[in-house]
Amino acid sequence: RGIINAGSHDMPLQVHHKVKLTPENITDPAITLNWDNLQLLCKDCHDAEHTDGTPPRWAVDETGHVSAR
């Protein structure tokens, strides 16, 4: 969108996977860890990328711990 956001403690930046993570590819490092598949976004832009109506399956807390919802 052309907006530059450096992130902050209150609004941290988030890593977005360009190829959506699925149960089939979640263990594939070529998808999960490939730099070409990762994009750094602010929370608002990351949320906008996931507006297909399906609720997020994962939650990440303030310490970076990932848990299933």
PDB file of N, CA and C in Angstrom:
ATOM      1  N   ARG A   1       0.830  -1.206   0.000  1.00  0.00           N
ATOM      2  CA  ARG A   1       0.000   0.000   0.000  1.00  0.00           C
ATOM      3  C   ARG A   1       0.856   1.244   0.000  1.00  0.00           C
ATOM      4  N   GLY A   2       2.154   1.113   0.091  1.00  0.00           N
ATOM      5  CA  GLY A   2       3.034   2.271   0.066  1.00  0.00           C
ATOM      6  C   GLY A   2       3.208   2.941   1.414  1.00  0.00           C
ATOM      7  N   ILE A   3       2.740   2.298   2.469  1.00  0.00           N
ATOM      8  CA  ILE A   3       2.872   2.852   3.808  1.00  0.00           C
ATOM      9  C   ILE A   3       4.102   2.237   4.471  1.00  0.00           C
ATOM     10  N   ILE A   4       4.964   3.067   5.012  1.00  0.00           N
ATOM     11  CA  ILE A   4       6.139   2.563   5.721  1.00  0.00           C
ATOM     12  C   ILE A   4       5.862   2.631   7.210  1.00  0.00           C
ATOM     13  N   ASN A   5       6.002   1.489   7.877  1.00  0.00           N
ATOM     14  CA  ASN A   5       5.752   1.393   9.308  1.00  0.00           C
ATOM     15  C   ASN A   5       6.929   0.654   9.919  1.00  0.00           C
ATOM     16  N   ALA A   6       7.670   1.316  10.775  1.00  0.00           N
ATOM     17  CA  ALA A   6       8.855   0.706  11.373  1.00  0.00           C
ATOM     18  C   ALA A   6       8.505  -0.274  12.479  1.00  0.00           C
ATOM     19  N   GLY A   7       7.264  -0.316  12.911  1.00  0.00           N
ATOM     20  CA  GLY A   7       6.879  -1.176  14.011  1.00  0.00           C
ATOM     21  C   GLY A   7       7.263  -0.548  15.335  1.00  0.00           C
ATOM     22  N   SER A   8       6.668  -1.064  16.380  1.00  0.00           N
ATOM     23  CA  SER A   8       6.941  -0.557  17.719  1.00  0.00           C
ATOM     24  C   SER A   8       6.586  -1.647  18.725  1.00  0.00           C
ATOM     25  N   HIS A   9       6.833  -1.374  19.985  1.00  0.00           N
ATOM     26  CA  HIS A   9       6.484  -2.331  21.031  1.00  0.00           C
ATOM     27  C   HIS A   9       4.979  -2.579  21.037  1.00  0.00           C
ATOM     28  N   ASP A  10       4.196  -1.525  20.840  1.00  0.00           N
ATOM     29  CA  ASP A  10       2.736  -1.651  20.851  1.00  0.00           C
ATOM     30  C   ASP A  10       2.177  -2.213  19.550  1.00  0.00           C
ATOM     31  N   MET A  11       2.910  -2.031  18.445  1.00  0.00           N
ATOM     32  CA  MET A  11       2.446  -2.498  17.145  1.00  0.00           C
ATOM     33  C   MET A  11       3.618  -3.173  16.416  1.00  0.00           C
ATOM     34  N   PRO A  12       3.961  -4.410  16.856  1.00  0.00           N
ATOM     35  CA  PRO A  12       5.110  -5.086  16.241  1.00  0.00           C
ATOM     36  C   PRO A  12       4.810  -5.510  14.809  1.00  0.00           C
ATOM     37  N   LEU A  13       5.866  -5.653  14.033  1.00  0.00           N
ATOM     38  CA  LEU A  13       5.734  -6.161  12.680  1.00  0.00           C
ATOM     39  C   LEU A  13       5.524  -7.668  12.733  1.00  0.00           C
ATOM     40  N   GLN A  14       4.898  -8.222  11.682  1.00  0.00           N
ATOM     41  CA  GLN A  14       4.581  -9.645  11.649  1.00  0.00           C
ATOM     42  C   GLN A  14       5.100 -10.259  10.360  1.00  0.00           C
ATOM     43  N   VAL A  15       5.489 -11.513  10.428  1.00  0.00           N
ATOM     44  CA  VAL A  15       5.949 -12.229   9.246  1.00  0.00           C
ATOM     45  C   VAL A  15       4.757 -12.886   8.571  1.00  0.00           C
ATOM     46  N   HIS A  16       4.626 -12.628   7.278  1.00  0.00           N
ATOM     47  CA  HIS A  16       3.538 -13.193   6.476  1.00  0.00           C
ATOM     48  C   HIS A  16       4.117 -14.221   5.517  1.00  0.00           C
ATOM     49  N   HIS A  17       3.480 -15.375   5.415  1.00  0.00           N
ATOM     50  CA  HIS A  17       3.866 -16.390   4.436  1.00  0.00           C
ATOM     51  C   HIS A  17       3.060 -16.147   3.165  1.00  0.00           C
ATOM     52  N   LYS A  18       3.745 -15.866   2.068  1.00  0.00           N
ATOM     53  CA  LYS A  18       3.073 -15.600   0.795  1.00  0.00           C
ATOM     54  C   LYS A  18       2.298 -16.825   0.331  1.00  0.00           C
ATOM     55  N   VAL A  19       2.908 -18.015   0.449  1.00  0.00           N
ATOM     56  CA  VAL A  19       2.184 -19.263   0.211  1.00  0.00           C
ATOM     57  C   VAL A  19       1.585 -19.656   1.550  1.00  0.00           C
ATOM     58  N   LYS A  20       0.266 -19.683   1.613  1.00  0.00           N
ATOM     59  CA  LYS A  20      -0.440 -19.931   2.866  1.00  0.00           C
ATOM     60  C   LYS A  20      -0.044 -21.273   3.467  1.00  0.00           C
ATOM     61  N   LEU A  21       0.187 -21.278   4.774  1.00  0.00           N
ATOM     62  CA  LEU A  21       0.525 -22.510   5.471  1.00  0.00           C
ATOM     63  C   LEU A  21      -0.707 -23.396   5.601  1.00  0.00           C
ATOM     64  N   THR A  22      -0.501 -24.684   5.338  1.00  0.00           N
ATOM     65  CA  THR A  22      -1.577 -25.668   5.422  1.00  0.00           C
ATOM     66  C   THR A  22      -1.065 -26.869   6.210  1.00  0.00           C
ATOM     67  N   PRO A  23      -1.954 -27.770   6.624  1.00  0.00           N
ATOM     68  CA  PRO A  23      -1.485 -28.980   7.297  1.00  0.00           C
ATOM     69  C   PRO A  23      -0.531 -29.798   6.423  1.00  0.00           C
ATOM     70  N   GLU A  24      -0.701 -29.694   5.105  1.00  0.00           N
ATOM     71  CA  GLU A  24       0.145 -30.461   4.189  1.00  0.00           C
ATOM     72  C   GLU A  24       1.551 -29.879   4.053  1.00  0.00           C
ATOM     73  N   ASN A  25       1.712 -28.542   4.187  1.00  0.00           N
ATOM     74  CA  ASN A  25       3.033 -27.947   3.946  1.00  0.00           C
ATOM     75  C   ASN A  25       3.699 -27.365   5.194  1.00  0.00           C
ATOM     76  N   ILE A  26       3.057 -27.482   6.355  1.00  0.00           N
ATOM     77  CA  ILE A  26       3.573 -26.851   7.569  1.00  0.00           C
ATOM     78  C   ILE A  26       4.940 -27.403   7.984  1.00  0.00           C
ATOM     79  N   THR A  27       5.273 -28.613   7.589  1.00  0.00           N
ATOM     80  CA  THR A  27       6.571 -29.190   7.940  1.00  0.00           C
ATOM     81  C   THR A  27       7.597 -29.052   6.825  1.00  0.00           C
ATOM     82  N   ASP A  28       7.251 -28.352   5.756  1.00  0.00           N
ATOM     83  CA  ASP A  28       8.153 -28.179   4.621  1.00  0.00           C
ATOM     84  C   ASP A  28       8.947 -26.883   4.788  1.00  0.00           C
ATOM     85  N   PRO A  29      10.248 -26.963   5.109  1.00  0.00           N
ATOM     86  CA  PRO A  29      11.031 -25.748   5.306  1.00  0.00           C
ATOM     87  C   PRO A  29      11.140 -24.887   4.051  1.00  0.00           C
ATOM     88  N   ALA A  30      10.923 -25.474   2.877  1.00  0.00           N
ATOM     89  CA  ALA A  30      10.942 -24.682   1.641  1.00  0.00           C
ATOM     90  C   ALA A  30       9.752 -23.718   1.597  1.00  0.00           C
ATOM     91  N   ILE A  31       8.710 -24.011   2.356  1.00  0.00           N
ATOM     92  CA  ILE A  31       7.541 -23.127   2.465  1.00  0.00           C
ATOM     93  C   ILE A  31       7.632 -22.282   3.732  1.00  0.00           C
ATOM     94  N   THR A  32       7.892 -22.924   4.866  1.00  0.00           N
ATOM     95  CA  THR A  32       7.825 -22.222   6.147  1.00  0.00           C
ATOM     96  C   THR A  32       9.006 -21.298   6.412  1.00  0.00           C
ATOM     97  N   LEU A  33      10.196 -21.649   5.912  1.00  0.00           N
ATOM     98  CA  LEU A  33      11.397 -20.887   6.244  1.00  0.00           C
ATOM     99  C   LEU A  33      12.081 -20.232   5.052  1.00  0.00           C
ATOM    100  N   ASN A  34      11.557 -20.407   3.874  1.00  0.00           N
ATOM    101  CA  ASN A  34      12.154 -19.849   2.660  1.00  0.00           C
ATOM    102  C   ASN A  34      11.992 -18.328   2.644  1.00  0.00           C
ATOM    103  N   TRP A  35      13.109 -17.601   2.593  1.00  0.00           N
ATOM    104  CA  TRP A  35      13.064 -16.136   2.612  1.00  0.00           C
ATOM    105  C   TRP A  35      12.190 -15.580   1.494  1.00  0.00           C
ATOM    106  N   ASP A  36      12.156 -16.255   0.334  1.00  0.00           N
ATOM    107  CA  ASP A  36      11.339 -15.773  -0.786  1.00  0.00           C
ATOM    108  C   ASP A  36       9.845 -15.914  -0.519  1.00  0.00           C
ATOM    109  N   ASN A  37       9.481 -16.715   0.481  1.00  0.00           N
ATOM    110  CA  ASN A  37       8.073 -16.897   0.827  1.00  0.00           C
ATOM    111  C   ASN A  37       7.654 -16.054   2.025  1.00  0.00           C
ATOM    112  N   LEU A  38       8.580 -15.278   2.592  1.00  0.00           N
ATOM    113  CA  LEU A  38       8.279 -14.483   3.776  1.00  0.00           C
ATOM    114  C   LEU A  38       8.210 -13.006   3.440  1.00  0.00           C
ATOM    115  N   GLN A  39       7.319 -12.309   4.108  1.00  0.00           N
ATOM    116  CA  GLN A  39       7.139 -10.875   3.907  1.00  0.00           C
ATOM    117  C   GLN A  39       6.868 -10.238   5.262  1.00  0.00           C
ATOM    118  N   LEU A  40       7.565  -9.153   5.569  1.00  0.00           N
ATOM    119  CA  LEU A  40       7.388  -8.449   6.831  1.00  0.00           C
ATOM    120  C   LEU A  40       6.309  -7.382   6.655  1.00  0.00           C
ATOM    121  N   LEU A  41       5.249  -7.482   7.461  1.00  0.00           N
ATOM    122  CA  LEU A  41       4.109  -6.568   7.349  1.00  0.00           C
ATOM    123  C   LEU A  41       3.728  -6.027   8.721  1.00  0.00           C
ATOM    124  N   CYS A  42       3.106  -4.850   8.726  1.00  0.00           N
ATOM    125  CA  CYS A  42       2.516  -4.364   9.967  1.00  0.00           C
ATOM    126  C   CYS A  42       1.259  -5.196  10.242  1.00  0.00           C
ATOM    127  N   LYS A  43       0.746  -5.143  11.452  1.00  0.00           N
ATOM    128  CA  LYS A  43      -0.409  -5.959  11.826  1.00  0.00           C
ATOM    129  C   LYS A  43      -1.619  -5.670  10.945  1.00  0.00           C
ATOM    130  N   ASP A  44      -1.881  -4.397  10.653  1.00  0.00           N
ATOM    131  CA  ASP A  44      -3.041  -4.054   9.828  1.00  0.00           C
ATOM    132  C   ASP A  44      -2.927  -4.668   8.433  1.00  0.00           C
ATOM    133  N   CYS A  45      -1.736  -4.568   7.824  1.00  0.00           N
ATOM    134  CA  CYS A  45      -1.542  -5.137   6.486  1.00  0.00           C
ATOM    135  C   CYS A  45      -1.583  -6.666   6.531  1.00  0.00           C
ATOM    136  N   HIS A  46      -1.035  -7.250   7.591  1.00  0.00           N
ATOM    137  CA  HIS A  46      -1.068  -8.707   7.721  1.00  0.00           C
ATOM    138  C   HIS A  46      -2.502  -9.192   7.881  1.00  0.00           C
ATOM    139  N   ASP A  47      -3.278  -8.502   8.706  1.00  0.00           N
ATOM    140  CA  ASP A  47      -4.691  -8.856   8.873  1.00  0.00           C
ATOM    141  C   ASP A  47      -5.436  -8.743   7.543  1.00  0.00           C
ATOM    142  N   ALA A  48      -5.112  -7.720   6.751  1.00  0.00           N
ATOM    143  CA  ALA A  48      -5.771  -7.523   5.457  1.00  0.00           C
ATOM    144  C   ALA A  48      -5.461  -8.668   4.494  1.00  0.00           C
ATOM    145  N   GLU A  49      -4.281  -9.268   4.612  1.00  0.00           N
ATOM    146  CA  GLU A  49      -3.922 -10.405   3.762  1.00  0.00           C
ATOM    147  C   GLU A  49      -4.734 -11.646   4.096  1.00  0.00           C
ATOM    148  N   HIS A  50      -5.313 -11.702   5.291  1.00  0.00           N
ATOM    149  CA  HIS A  50      -6.047 -12.883   5.751  1.00  0.00           C
ATOM    150  C   HIS A  50      -7.530 -12.575   5.933  1.00  0.00           C
ATOM    151  N   THR A  51      -8.117 -11.914   4.964  1.00  0.00           N
ATOM    152  CA  THR A  51      -9.528 -11.550   5.067  1.00  0.00           C
ATOM    153  C   THR A  51     -10.405 -12.447   4.204  1.00  0.00           C
ATOM    154  N   ASP A  52     -10.023 -13.725   4.070  1.00  0.00           N
ATOM    155  CA  ASP A  52     -10.822 -14.643   3.259  1.00  0.00           C
ATOM    156  C   ASP A  52     -11.991 -15.239   4.038  1.00  0.00           C
ATOM    157  N   GLY A  53     -12.188 -14.803   5.280  1.00  0.00           N
ATOM    158  CA  GLY A  53     -13.316 -15.261   6.077  1.00  0.00           C
ATOM    159  C   GLY A  53     -13.015 -16.427   6.993  1.00  0.00           C
ATOM    160  N   THR A  54     -11.882 -17.089   6.785  1.00  0.00           N
ATOM    161  CA  THR A  54     -11.554 -18.197   7.677  1.00  0.00           C
ATOM    162  C   THR A  54     -10.823 -17.657   8.901  1.00  0.00           C
ATOM    163  N   PRO A  55     -11.213 -18.076  10.090  1.00  0.00           N
ATOM    164  CA  PRO A  55     -10.543 -17.587  11.293  1.00  0.00           C
ATOM    165  C   PRO A  55      -9.119 -18.131  11.368  1.00  0.00           C
ATOM    166  N   PRO A  56      -8.202 -17.383  11.971  1.00  0.00           N
ATOM    167  CA  PRO A  56      -6.831 -17.876  12.105  1.00  0.00           C
ATOM    168  C   PRO A  56      -6.789 -19.141  12.953  1.00  0.00           C
ATOM    169  N   ARG A  57      -5.956 -20.086  12.535  1.00  0.00           N
ATOM    170  CA  ARG A  57      -5.838 -21.341  13.275  1.00  0.00           C
ATOM    171  C   ARG A  57      -4.764 -21.272  14.336  1.00  0.00           C
ATOM    172  N   TRP A  58      -3.924 -20.253  14.281  1.00  0.00           N
ATOM    173  CA  TRP A  58      -2.806 -20.142  15.204  1.00  0.00           C
ATOM    174  C   TRP A  58      -2.853 -18.799  15.908  1.00  0.00           C
ATOM    175  N   ALA A  59      -2.336 -18.769  17.106  1.00  0.00           N
ATOM    176  CA  ALA A  59      -2.194 -17.523  17.852  1.00  0.00           C
ATOM    177  C   ALA A  59      -0.746 -17.440  18.310  1.00  0.00           C
ATOM    178  N   VAL A  60      -0.194 -16.238  18.311  1.00  0.00           N
ATOM    179  CA  VAL A  60       1.164 -16.015  18.775  1.00  0.00           C
ATOM    180  C   VAL A  60       1.097 -15.015  19.920  1.00  0.00           C
ATOM    181  N   ASP A  61       1.641 -15.398  21.089  1.00  0.00           N
ATOM    182  CA  ASP A  61       1.602 -14.483  22.228  1.00  0.00           C
ATOM    183  C   ASP A  61       2.775 -13.511  22.184  1.00  0.00           C
ATOM    184  N   GLU A  62       2.843 -12.643  23.187  1.00  0.00           N
ATOM    185  CA  GLU A  62       3.855 -11.576  23.208  1.00  0.00           C
ATOM    186  C   GLU A  62       5.280 -12.097  23.329  1.00  0.00           C
ATOM    187  N   THR A  63       5.448 -13.365  23.724  1.00  0.00           N
ATOM    188  CA  THR A  63       6.786 -13.950  23.808  1.00  0.00           C
ATOM    189  C   THR A  63       7.164 -14.737  22.558  1.00  0.00           C
ATOM    190  N   GLY A  64       6.235 -14.814  21.593  1.00  0.00           N
ATOM    191  CA  GLY A  64       6.501 -15.528  20.353  1.00  0.00           C
ATOM    192  C   GLY A  64       6.060 -16.979  20.377  1.00  0.00           C
ATOM    193  N   HIS A  65       5.410 -17.418  21.469  1.00  0.00           N
ATOM    194  CA  HIS A  65       4.929 -18.804  21.562  1.00  0.00           C
ATOM    195  C   HIS A  65       3.699 -18.980  20.671  1.00  0.00           C
ATOM    196  N   VAL A  66       3.723 -19.994  19.806  1.00  0.00           N
ATOM    197  CA  VAL A  66       2.617 -20.273  18.897  1.00  0.00           C
ATOM    198  C   VAL A  66       1.746 -21.361  19.495  1.00  0.00           C
ATOM    199  N   SER A  67       0.427 -21.151  19.446  1.00  0.00           N
ATOM    200  CA  SER A  67      -0.506 -22.163  19.931  1.00  0.00           C
ATOM    201  C   SER A  67      -1.687 -22.251  18.984  1.00  0.00           C
ATOM    202  N   ALA A  68      -2.309 -23.429  18.939  1.00  0.00           N
ATOM    203  CA  ALA A  68      -3.502 -23.635  18.102  1.00  0.00           C
ATOM    204  C   ALA A  68      -4.698 -22.946  18.753  1.00  0.00           C
ATOM    205  N   ARG A  69      -5.558 -22.427  17.929  1.00  0.00           N
ATOM    206  CA  ARG A  69      -6.788 -21.804  18.450  1.00  0.00           C
ATOM    207  C   ARG A  69      -7.893 -22.797  18.500  1.00  0.00           C
TER     208      ARG A  69
END
